[in-house]
C-alpha atoms as a PDB file:
ATOM      1  CA  MET A   1     -36.553  21.477   0.034  1.00  0.00           C
ATOM      2  CA  ASN A   2     -33.628  21.895  -2.183  1.00  0.00           C
ATOM      3  CA  GLN A   3     -32.827  19.207  -4.461  1.00  0.00           C
ATOM      4  CA  TRP A   4     -29.409  17.623  -4.775  1.00  0.00           C
ATOM      5  CA  PRO A   5     -27.117  19.782  -7.394  1.00  0.00           C
ATOM      6  CA  GLY A   6     -27.546  17.823 -10.889  1.00  0.00           C
ATOM      7  CA  SER A   7     -30.582  15.761  -9.539  1.00  0.00           C
ATOM      8  CA  SER A   8     -32.903  16.982 -12.210  1.00  0.00           C
ATOM      9  CA  SER A   9     -30.356  16.765 -15.371  1.00  0.00           C
ATOM     10  CA  PRO A  10     -32.474  15.177 -17.591  1.00  0.00           C
ATOM     11  CA  GLU A  11     -29.012  13.417 -19.306  1.00  0.00           C
ATOM     12  CA  LEU A  12     -28.276  11.657 -16.087  1.00  0.00           C
ATOM     13  CA  CYS A  13     -29.294   7.610 -16.235  1.00  0.00           C
ATOM     14  CA  SER A  14     -32.639   7.920 -14.632  1.00  0.00           C
ATOM     15  CA  SER A  15     -32.574   4.211 -13.732  1.00  0.00           C
ATOM     16  CA  PHE A  16     -29.204   4.590 -11.788  1.00  0.00           C
ATOM     17  CA  ASP A  17     -29.101   4.026  -8.074  1.00  0.00           C
ATOM     18  CA  PRO A  18     -26.097   5.108  -5.759  1.00  0.00           C
ATOM     19  CA  TRP A  19     -26.882   3.078  -3.168  1.00  0.00           C
ATOM     20  CA  THR A  20     -27.322  -0.263  -5.285  1.00  0.00           C
ATOM     21  CA  ALA A  21     -23.821   1.054  -6.876  1.00  0.00           C
ATOM     22  CA  ALA A  22     -22.211   1.648  -3.105  1.00  0.00           C
ATOM     23  CA  ARG A  23     -23.174  -1.859  -2.441  1.00  0.00           C
ATOM     24  CA  SER A  24     -21.888  -3.582  -5.286  1.00  0.00           C
ATOM     25  CA  ALA A  25     -18.446  -1.564  -5.025  1.00  0.00           C
ATOM     26  CA  TRP A  26     -17.969  -3.150  -1.125  1.00  0.00           C
ATOM     27  CA  ALA A  27     -18.990  -6.385  -2.029  1.00  0.00           C
ATOM     28  CA  ALA A  28     -16.367  -6.666  -4.821  1.00  0.00           C
ATOM     29  CA  GLU A  29     -13.624  -5.426  -2.527  1.00  0.00           C
ATOM     30  CA  ALA A  30     -14.628  -7.068   0.396  1.00  0.00           C
ATOM     31  CA  ALA A  31     -14.439 -10.197  -1.844  1.00  0.00           C
ATOM     32  CA  GLY A  32     -11.173  -9.148  -3.303  1.00  0.00           C
ATOM     33  CA  ILE A  33      -9.594  -8.594   0.157  1.00  0.00           C
ATOM     34  CA  ALA A  34     -11.093 -11.946   1.628  1.00  0.00           C
ATOM     35  CA  ALA A  35      -9.417 -13.947  -1.251  1.00  0.00           C
ATOM     36  CA  LEU A  36      -5.909 -12.505  -0.627  1.00  0.00           C
ATOM     37  CA  GLU A  37      -5.061 -15.677   2.017  1.00  0.00           C
ATOM     38  CA  ARG A  38      -5.407 -17.911  -1.362  1.00  0.00           C
ATOM     39  CA  VAL A  39      -3.810 -15.242  -3.597  1.00  0.00           C
ATOM     40  CA  VAL A  40      -0.834 -14.184  -1.847  1.00  0.00           C
ATOM     41  CA  ASP A  41       2.306 -16.554  -1.596  1.00  0.00           C
ATOM     42  CA  PRO A  42       2.681 -16.920   2.404  1.00  0.00           C
ATOM     43  CA  ALA A  43       6.679 -17.344   1.697  1.00  0.00           C
ATOM     44  CA  ALA A  44       6.917 -14.368  -0.153  1.00  0.00           C
ATOM     45  CA  PHE A  45       4.898 -12.884   2.482  1.00  0.00           C
ATOM     46  CA  ARG A  46       6.825 -14.199   5.055  1.00  0.00           C
ATOM     47  CA  GLY A  47      10.129 -13.123   2.946  1.00  0.00           C
ATOM     48  CA  CYS A  48       8.705  -9.377   2.872  1.00  0.00           C
ATOM     49  CA  VAL A  49       8.360  -9.247   6.805  1.00  0.00           C
ATOM     50  CA  GLU A  50      11.734 -10.489   7.621  1.00  0.00           C
ATOM     51  CA  THR A  51      13.549  -8.286   4.702  1.00  0.00           C
ATOM     52  CA  LEU A  52      11.661  -4.936   6.166  1.00  0.00           C
ATOM     53  CA  ALA A  53      12.276  -6.510   9.799  1.00  0.00           C
ATOM     54  CA  GLY A  54      16.094  -6.999   8.783  1.00  0.00           C
ATOM     55  CA  CYS A  55      16.490  -3.836   6.923  1.00  0.00           C
ATOM     56  CA  ARG A  56      19.457  -1.270   8.583  1.00  0.00           C
ATOM     57  CA  GLY A  57      18.839   1.182   5.797  1.00  0.00           C
ATOM     58  CA  ARG A  58      15.874   2.746   4.708  1.00  0.00           C
ATOM     59  CA  ILE A  59      12.442   1.409   3.283  1.00  0.00           C
ATOM     60  CA  LEU A  60      11.710   3.229  -0.027  1.00  0.00           C
ATOM     61  CA  THR A  61       8.111   2.712  -1.736  1.00  0.00           C
ATOM     62  CA  THR A  62       7.206   3.941  -5.390  1.00  0.00           C
ATOM     63  CA  GLY A  63       4.619   3.806  -7.722  1.00  0.00           C
ATOM     64  CA  CYS A  64       2.559   6.090 -10.375  1.00  0.00           C
ATOM     65  CA  GLY A  65      -0.884   7.033 -10.190  1.00  0.00           C
ATOM     66  CA  THR A  66      -3.052   5.192  -7.851  1.00  0.00           C
ATOM     67  CA  SER A  67      -0.349   2.765  -6.986  1.00  0.00           C
ATOM     68  CA  ALA A  68       1.401   6.089  -5.918  1.00  0.00           C
ATOM     69  CA  ALA A  69      -1.338   6.854  -3.458  1.00  0.00           C
ATOM     70  CA  ALA A  70      -1.033   3.168  -2.080  1.00  0.00           C
ATOM     71  CA  ALA A  71       2.775   3.442  -1.968  1.00  0.00           C
ATOM     72  CA  LYS A  72       2.738   6.735  -0.078  1.00  0.00           C
ATOM     73  CA  LYS A  73       0.562   5.087   2.738  1.00  0.00           C
ATOM     74  CA  ILE A  74       2.264   2.070   3.274  1.00  0.00           C
ATOM     75  CA  ALA A  75       5.505   4.446   3.675  1.00  0.00           C
ATOM     76  CA  HIS A  76       3.397   6.238   6.266  1.00  0.00           C
ATOM     77  CA  SER A  77       2.406   3.142   8.070  1.00  0.00           C
ATOM     78  CA  LEU A  78       5.909   1.614   8.310  1.00  0.00           C
ATOM     79  CA  CYS A  79       7.069   4.691   9.603  1.00  0.00           C
ATOM     80  CA  CYS A  80       4.508   4.286  12.514  1.00  0.00           C
ATOM     81  CA  ILE A  81       6.000   1.161  13.451  1.00  0.00           C
ATOM     82  CA  GLU A  82       9.599   2.760  13.792  1.00  0.00           C
ATOM     83  CA  ARG A  83      10.408   1.147  10.031  1.00  0.00           C
ATOM     84  CA  PRO A  84      11.902   4.494   8.297  1.00  0.00           C
ATOM     85  CA  ALA A  85      10.292   4.786   4.890  1.00  0.00           C
ATOM     86  CA  ALA A  86       9.905   7.344   2.428  1.00  0.00           C
ATOM     87  CA  PHE A  87       7.852   7.599  -0.744  1.00  0.00           C
ATOM     88  CA  LEU A  88      10.241   7.871  -4.048  1.00  0.00           C
ATOM     89  CA  VAL A  89       9.050   9.980  -7.285  1.00  0.00           C
ATOM     90  CA  PRO A  90       9.439   7.881  -9.923  1.00  0.00           C
ATOM     91  CA  SER A  91       9.871  11.175 -12.163  1.00  0.00           C
ATOM     92  CA  ASP A  92      12.316  12.828  -9.692  1.00  0.00           C
ATOM     93  CA  ALA A  93      14.495   9.601  -9.086  1.00  0.00           C
ATOM     94  CA  VAL A  94      15.571   9.407 -12.723  1.00  0.00           C
ATOM     95  CA  HIS A  95      16.622  13.182 -12.468  1.00  0.00           C
ATOM     96  CA  GLY A  96      19.009  12.530  -9.673  1.00  0.00           C
ATOM     97  CA  GLY A  97      16.346  11.655  -6.776  1.00  0.00           C
ATOM     98  CA  LEU A  98      18.095   8.196  -7.203  1.00  0.00           C
ATOM     99  CA  GLY A  99      21.144   9.309  -4.932  1.00  0.00           C
ATOM    100  CA  LEU A 100      18.374   8.239  -1.915  1.00  0.00           C
ATOM    101  CA  VAL A 101      18.889   4.827  -2.523  1.00  0.00           C
ATOM    102  CA  GLN A 102      21.929   3.347  -0.791  1.00  0.00           C
ATOM    103  CA  PRO A 103      23.202  -0.177  -0.523  1.00  0.00           C
ATOM    104  CA  GLY A 104      20.885  -2.073   2.050  1.00  0.00           C
ATOM    105  CA  ASP A 105      17.988  -0.080   1.467  1.00  0.00           C
ATOM    106  CA  VAL A 106      14.980  -1.817   0.321  1.00  0.00           C
ATOM    107  CA  VAL A 107      12.704  -0.728  -2.708  1.00  0.00           C
ATOM    108  CA  ILE A 108       9.091  -1.338  -2.820  1.00  0.00           C
ATOM    109  CA  ALA A 109       7.553  -0.854  -6.364  1.00  0.00           C
ATOM    110  CA  ILE A 110       4.070  -1.290  -6.912  1.00  0.00           C
ATOM    111  CA  SER A 111       2.795  -1.811 -10.369  1.00  0.00           C
ATOM    112  CA  LYS A 112      -0.682  -3.344 -11.106  1.00  0.00           C
ATOM    113  CA  GLY A 113       0.460  -4.911 -14.562  1.00  0.00           C
ATOM    114  CA  GLY A 114       4.400  -4.671 -13.552  1.00  0.00           C
ATOM    115  CA  GLY A 115       5.292  -2.852 -16.774  1.00  0.00           C
ATOM    116  CA  THR A 116       5.103   0.589 -15.777  1.00  0.00           C
ATOM    117  CA  ARG A 117       7.891   2.357 -17.740  1.00  0.00           C
ATOM    118  CA  GLU A 118       8.694   4.862 -14.895  1.00  0.00           C
ATOM    119  CA  LEU A 119       9.345   2.101 -12.409  1.00  0.00           C
ATOM    120  CA  LEU A 120      11.371   0.004 -14.563  1.00  0.00           C
ATOM    121  CA  ASN A 121      13.452   2.927 -15.589  1.00  0.00           C
ATOM    122  CA  LEU A 122      14.743   2.616 -11.763  1.00  0.00           C
ATOM    123  CA  VAL A 123      15.777  -0.787 -11.709  1.00  0.00           C
ATOM    124  CA  PRO A 124      19.220  -0.571 -13.057  1.00  0.00           C
ATOM    125  CA  ALA A 125      20.153   1.966 -10.439  1.00  0.00           C
ATOM    126  CA  CYS A 126      18.429  -0.222  -7.785  1.00  0.00           C
ATOM    127  CA  LYS A 127      20.648  -3.237  -8.923  1.00  0.00           C
ATOM    128  CA  THR A 128      23.921  -1.158  -9.214  1.00  0.00           C
ATOM    129  CA  LYS A 129      23.438   0.079  -5.746  1.00  0.00           C
ATOM    130  CA  GLN A 130      22.606  -3.270  -3.962  1.00  0.00           C
ATOM    131  CA  ALA A 131      18.906  -1.921  -2.997  1.00  0.00           C
ATOM    132  CA  PHE A 132      16.296  -5.159  -2.131  1.00  0.00           C
ATOM    133  CA  LEU A 133      13.893  -5.060  -4.770  1.00  0.00           C
ATOM    134  CA  ILE A 134      10.548  -6.034  -3.971  1.00  0.00           C
ATOM    135  CA  ALA A 135       7.843  -5.937  -7.017  1.00  0.00           C
ATOM    136  CA  VAL A 136       4.291  -5.475  -5.692  1.00  0.00           C
ATOM    137  CA  THR A 137       2.121  -6.844  -9.212  1.00  0.00           C
ATOM    138  CA  GLU A 138      -0.603  -8.872 -10.546  1.00  0.00           C
ATOM    139  CA  ASN A 139       1.303 -10.067 -13.230  1.00  0.00           C
ATOM    140  CA  PRO A 140       4.363 -12.681 -12.478  1.00  0.00           C
ATOM    141  CA  GLU A 141       5.444 -12.469 -15.777  1.00  0.00           C
ATOM    142  CA  SER A 142       6.208  -8.662 -16.190  1.00  0.00           C
ATOM    143  CA  PRO A 143       9.636  -7.264 -16.465  1.00  0.00           C
ATOM    144  CA  LEU A 144       8.939  -5.676 -12.928  1.00  0.00           C
ATOM    145  CA  ALA A 145       8.591  -9.047 -11.517  1.00  0.00           C
ATOM    146  CA  ARG A 146      11.259 -10.721 -12.928  1.00  0.00           C
ATOM    147  CA  ALA A 147      13.717  -7.844 -12.134  1.00  0.00           C
ATOM    148  CA  ALA A 148      12.670  -8.041  -8.555  1.00  0.00           C
ATOM    149  CA  ASP A 149      14.690 -10.200  -5.819  1.00  0.00           C
ATOM    150  CA  LEU A 150      11.408 -10.830  -4.256  1.00  0.00           C
ATOM    151  CA  LEU A 151       7.615 -11.015  -6.023  1.00  0.00           C
ATOM    152  CA  LEU A 152       4.908 -10.196  -3.954  1.00  0.00           C
ATOM    153  CA  ARG A 153       1.823 -11.142  -6.156  1.00  0.00           C
ATOM    154  CA  VAL A 154      -1.742  -9.367  -5.252  1.00  0.00           C
ATOM    155  CA  LYS A 155      -4.365  -9.511  -7.328  1.00  0.00           C
ATOM    156  CA  VAL A 156      -8.064  -9.284  -7.456  1.00  0.00           C
ATOM    157  CA  GLU A 157     -10.766 -11.073  -9.489  1.00  0.00           C
ATOM    158  CA  ARG A 158     -12.032  -7.732 -10.815  1.00  0.00           C
ATOM    159  CA  GLU A 159     -12.800  -4.006 -10.359  1.00  0.00           C
ATOM    160  CA  PRO A 160     -16.092  -2.763  -9.015  1.00  0.00           C
ATOM    161  CA  ASP A 161     -16.436  -0.477 -11.808  1.00  0.00           C
ATOM    162  CA  PRO A 162     -18.368  -1.127 -15.300  1.00  0.00           C
ATOM    163  CA  PHE A 163     -15.516  -1.206 -17.289  1.00  0.00           C
ATOM    164  CA  ASN A 164     -13.257  -3.041 -14.702  1.00  0.00           C
ATOM    165  CA  MET A 165     -10.561  -0.336 -15.200  1.00  0.00           C
ATOM    166  CA  LEU A 166     -10.602   1.758 -12.243  1.00  0.00           C
ATOM    167  CA  ALA A 167      -7.952   0.422  -9.548  1.00  0.00           C
ATOM    168  CA  THR A 168     -10.012   0.337  -6.777  1.00  0.00           C
ATOM    169  CA  ALA A 169     -10.658  -2.866  -5.648  1.00  0.00           C
ATOM    170  CA  SER A 170      -6.892  -3.655  -6.289  1.00  0.00           C
ATOM    171  CA  THR A 171      -5.225  -0.762  -4.430  1.00  0.00           C
ATOM    172  CA  LEU A 172      -7.159  -1.866  -1.414  1.00  0.00           C
ATOM    173  CA  ALA A 173      -5.812  -4.840  -1.769  1.00  0.00           C
ATOM    174  CA  VAL A 174      -2.515  -3.771  -1.866  1.00  0.00           C
ATOM    175  CA  ILE A 175      -2.888  -1.729   0.873  1.00  0.00           C
ATOM    176  CA  ALA A 176      -4.625  -4.536   2.897  1.00  0.00           C
ATOM    177  CA  VAL A 177      -1.528  -6.862   2.257  1.00  0.00           C
ATOM    178  CA  PHE A 178       0.757  -4.138   3.537  1.00  0.00           C
ATOM    179  CA  ASP A 179      -1.521  -3.372   6.722  1.00  0.00           C
ATOM    180  CA  ALA A 180      -0.749  -7.339   7.292  1.00  0.00           C
ATOM    181  CA  VAL A 181       2.857  -6.567   6.873  1.00  0.00           C
ATOM    182  CA  CYS A 182       2.936  -4.271   9.240  1.00  0.00           C
ATOM    183  CA  ILE A 183       0.901  -5.806  11.930  1.00  0.00           C
ATOM    184  CA  ALA A 184       3.169  -8.691  11.179  1.00  0.00           C
ATOM    185  CA  LEU A 185       6.204  -6.403  11.612  1.00  0.00           C
ATOM    186  CA  MET A 186       5.015  -4.896  15.245  1.00  0.00           C
ATOM    187  CA  HIS A 187       5.162  -8.581  16.327  1.00  0.00           C
ATOM    188  CA  ARG A 188       8.392  -9.655  14.563  1.00  0.00           C
ATOM    189  CA  THR A 189      10.408  -6.846  16.148  1.00  0.00           C
ATOM    190  CA  GLY A 190       8.677  -6.388  19.188  1.00  0.00           C
ATOM    191  CA  TYR A 191       7.067  -3.425  18.747  1.00  0.00           C
ATOM    192  CA  THR A 192       5.884  -1.412  22.112  1.00  0.00           C
ATOM    193  CA  ARG A 193       3.056   0.740  22.981  1.00  0.00           C
ATOM    194  CA  GLU A 194       6.104   3.183  24.647  1.00  0.00           C
ATOM    195  CA  GLN A 195       7.692   3.115  21.520  1.00  0.00           C
ATOM    196  CA  PHE A 196       4.233   4.218  19.361  1.00  0.00           C
ATOM    197  CA  ALA A 197       3.889   6.617  22.168  1.00  0.00           C
ATOM    198  CA  VAL A 198       7.228   8.714  21.582  1.00  0.00           C
ATOM    199  CA  ILE A 199       6.523   9.216  17.668  1.00  0.00           C
ATOM    200  CA  HIS A 200       2.821   9.586  17.765  1.00  0.00           C
ATOM    201  CA  PRO A 201       1.638  12.331  20.489  1.00  0.00           C
ATOM    202  CA  GLY A 202      -0.718  13.816  18.537  1.00  0.00           C
ATOM    203  CA  GLY A 203      -4.773  13.553  17.918  1.00  0.00           C
ATOM    204  CA  ALA A 204      -7.024  11.288  19.679  1.00  0.00           C
ATOM    205  CA  VAL A 205      -4.499   8.353  19.345  1.00  0.00           C
ATOM    206  CA  GLY A 206      -1.651  10.276  20.951  1.00  0.00           C
ATOM    207  CA  GLU A 207      -3.937  11.113  23.972  1.00  0.00           C
ATOM    208  CA  ARG A 208      -4.983   7.473  24.438  1.00  0.00           C
ATOM    209  CA  LEU A 209      -1.320   5.862  24.117  1.00  0.00           C
ATOM    210  CA  VAL A 210       0.234   8.980  26.715  1.00  0.00           C
ATOM    211  CA  ASP A 211      -3.052   8.070  29.358  1.00  0.00           C
ATOM    212  CA  PRO A 212      -3.991   4.398  29.452  1.00  0.00           C
ATOM    213  CA  THR A 213      -7.237   5.287  31.061  1.00  0.00           C
ATOM    214  CA  LYS A 214      -8.616   7.067  28.130  1.00  0.00           C
ATOM    215  CA  ASP A 215      -7.585   4.129  26.108  1.00  0.00           C
ATOM    216  CA  GLN A 216      -9.714   1.707  28.573  1.00  0.00           C
ATOM    217  CA  ALA A 217     -12.580   4.520  28.186  1.00  0.00           C
ATOM    218  CA  TYR A 218     -12.548   4.620  24.524  1.00  0.00           C
ATOM    219  CA  GLN A 219     -15.592   3.957  22.690  1.00  0.00           C
ATOM    220  CA  PRO A 220     -15.626   4.401  18.988  1.00  0.00           C
ATOM    221  CA  SER A 221     -18.357   5.900  17.322  1.00  0.00           C
END
């Protein structure tokens, strides 16, 4: 039987157990999500839902690095529930892309520390163009938080990695908060299965939406 690549490398730590590391990471991430009901301000959460439910323009999400990955996922989820959303690339935005932002739009800016320079560069234009700015950060005293019309504070106790620096649990927490926002929006706006079927005809989900008998027979593996 062939060895896994690198399994015999002498420079690797011999006491390292990948499965132990995996369980530790999952425990830390699960704990971070479980703590959200104590971390997230209910009034801010309700305000976010109401703002997005009442938005008659577009919803633009933005962030850098791992926050950008979360922002892209959030934009897609919002589109799936008929809340038109798109990801705004910060570096492109300050070179003309801010023309996408119009009065009545909502901008969701995600920055763990709240000091990401690329996002702070967008704030003056958002203010001038009268877009509603939602800051998603763990630091309520940060420049981004202070500039926002609404602060949604999301924080985890620690990241699972040895240095407490790799944005893993914190990124999942942000995504989990906006998963909850999307579910709340579905209830708030009366979003229907028929609406979902129109915009999601593809894949297994599309088959279940079009044919209710397949949904009843669906058994996740």
